[in-house]
């Protein structure tokens, strides 16, 4: 049942991005598309969605979170080298943020 809600939410966010690509809210919609995929354990799709946030909004408010979740997705798939690369990039690009602090802890655990 819960998975259906994520799927429905993802479809709505995708529709929003398609209809309003320059609304200023599409950064959040793209991020939440990634969140839906991540919650459904579709990590590859989540990583791709988060990458759209990173590419389109390199200094955006959701970018640090997108990088963190990307790295976590790689880690969930057993790709620790990729996870390490993304965690390190996050720490370097967004020092002092809560996401960078979380990434630093994750790096110590790898």
Protein backbone atom coordinates (compact mmCIF):
# COMPACT_ATOMS: atom_id res chain seq x y z
CA UNK A 1 0.00 0.00 0.00
CA UNK A 2 2.76 2.44 0.96
CA UNK A 3 4.60 1.77 -2.31
CA UNK A 4 1.53 2.84 -4.28
CA UNK A 5 1.53 6.17 -2.45
CA UNK A 6 5.16 6.78 -3.40
CA UNK A 7 4.41 5.86 -6.98
CA UNK A 8 1.39 8.18 -7.10
CA UNK A 9 3.38 11.00 -5.53
CA UNK A 10 6.24 10.47 -7.96
CA UNK A 11 3.86 10.62 -10.92
CA UNK A 12 2.42 13.89 -9.61
CA UNK A 13 5.89 15.39 -9.14
CA UNK A 14 6.90 14.28 -12.63
CA UNK A 15 3.77 15.88 -14.05
CA UNK A 16 4.54 19.09 -12.21
CA UNK A 17 8.09 19.20 -13.59
CA UNK A 18 6.77 18.60 -17.11
CA UNK A 19 4.11 21.30 -16.86
CA UNK A 20 6.12 23.89 -14.93
CA UNK A 21 9.83 23.34 -15.67
CA UNK A 22 10.77 26.94 -14.87
CA UNK A 23 8.47 27.51 -11.94
CA UNK A 24 11.23 27.78 -9.37
CA UNK A 25 9.65 24.86 -7.56
CA UNK A 26 10.91 22.22 -9.94
CA UNK A 27 14.09 21.82 -7.87
CA UNK A 28 12.00 20.53 -4.99
CA UNK A 29 9.85 18.41 -7.29
CA UNK A 30 12.94 16.80 -8.84
CA UNK A 31 14.34 16.14 -5.38
CA UNK A 32 11.11 14.54 -4.21
CA UNK A 33 10.99 12.35 -7.31
CA UNK A 34 14.32 11.02 -6.08
CA UNK A 35 12.93 10.61 -2.58
CA UNK A 36 10.02 8.57 -3.89
CA UNK A 37 12.31 6.29 -5.85
CA UNK A 38 14.64 5.97 -2.85
CA UNK A 39 11.75 5.05 -0.56
CA UNK A 40 10.69 2.42 -3.09
CA UNK A 41 14.28 1.09 -3.02
CA UNK A 42 14.71 1.93 -6.72
CA UNK A 43 18.16 3.31 -6.05
CA UNK A 44 19.36 3.65 -9.64
CA UNK A 45 16.32 5.73 -10.56
CA UNK A 46 16.72 7.76 -7.38
CA UNK A 47 20.37 8.49 -8.21
CA UNK A 48 19.36 9.70 -11.67
CA UNK A 49 16.66 11.96 -10.23
CA UNK A 50 19.05 13.41 -7.66
CA UNK A 51 21.58 13.99 -10.44
CA UNK A 52 19.04 16.20 -12.19
CA UNK A 53 18.92 18.37 -9.07
CA UNK A 54 22.72 18.54 -8.93
CA UNK A 55 23.04 19.34 -12.64
CA UNK A 56 20.24 21.88 -12.85
CA UNK A 57 20.78 23.54 -9.45
CA UNK A 58 24.47 23.13 -8.50
CA UNK A 59 24.12 25.68 -5.69
CA UNK A 60 20.47 25.07 -4.93
CA UNK A 61 18.88 24.45 -1.59
CA UNK A 62 18.30 20.76 -2.29
CA UNK A 63 21.68 19.99 -3.86
CA UNK A 64 23.52 18.95 -0.70
CA UNK A 65 20.64 16.66 0.22
CA UNK A 66 20.57 15.24 -3.30
CA UNK A 67 24.28 14.42 -3.11
CA UNK A 68 23.86 12.78 0.28
CA UNK A 69 21.00 10.62 -0.93
CA UNK A 70 22.88 9.78 -4.13
CA UNK A 71 25.79 8.49 -2.10
CA UNK A 72 23.45 6.57 0.16
CA UNK A 73 21.85 5.00 -2.90
CA UNK A 74 25.23 3.89 -4.22
CA UNK A 75 26.03 2.50 -0.79
CA UNK A 76 22.73 0.59 -0.68
CA UNK A 77 23.65 -1.02 -4.00
CA UNK A 78 27.04 -2.07 -2.65
CA UNK A 79 28.94 0.48 -4.74
CA UNK A 80 31.11 1.82 -1.94
CA UNK A 81 33.66 3.44 -4.26
CA UNK A 82 30.97 5.59 -5.87
CA UNK A 83 29.46 6.31 -2.46
CA UNK A 84 32.85 7.44 -1.17
CA UNK A 85 33.35 9.73 -4.19
CA UNK A 86 29.96 11.40 -3.73
CA UNK A 87 30.30 11.73 0.05
CA UNK A 88 33.71 13.34 -0.44
CA UNK A 89 32.35 15.72 -3.09
CA UNK A 90 29.56 16.71 -0.71
CA UNK A 91 31.97 17.44 2.14
CA UNK A 92 34.14 19.54 -0.17
CA UNK A 93 31.35 21.50 -1.87
CA UNK A 94 29.07 22.04 1.12
CA UNK A 95 31.31 22.18 4.20
CA UNK A 96 29.64 22.80 7.52
CA UNK A 97 26.18 21.77 6.37
CA UNK A 98 24.25 19.05 8.18
CA UNK A 99 24.46 16.97 5.00
CA UNK A 100 28.27 17.31 4.92
CA UNK A 101 28.44 16.29 8.57
CA UNK A 102 26.32 13.22 7.82
CA UNK A 103 28.54 12.44 4.83
CA UNK A 104 31.64 12.70 7.01
CA UNK A 105 30.17 10.15 9.42
CA UNK A 106 29.27 7.85 6.53
CA UNK A 107 32.82 8.12 5.17
CA UNK A 108 34.21 7.03 8.52
CA UNK A 109 31.94 3.97 8.45
CA UNK A 110 32.96 2.85 4.95
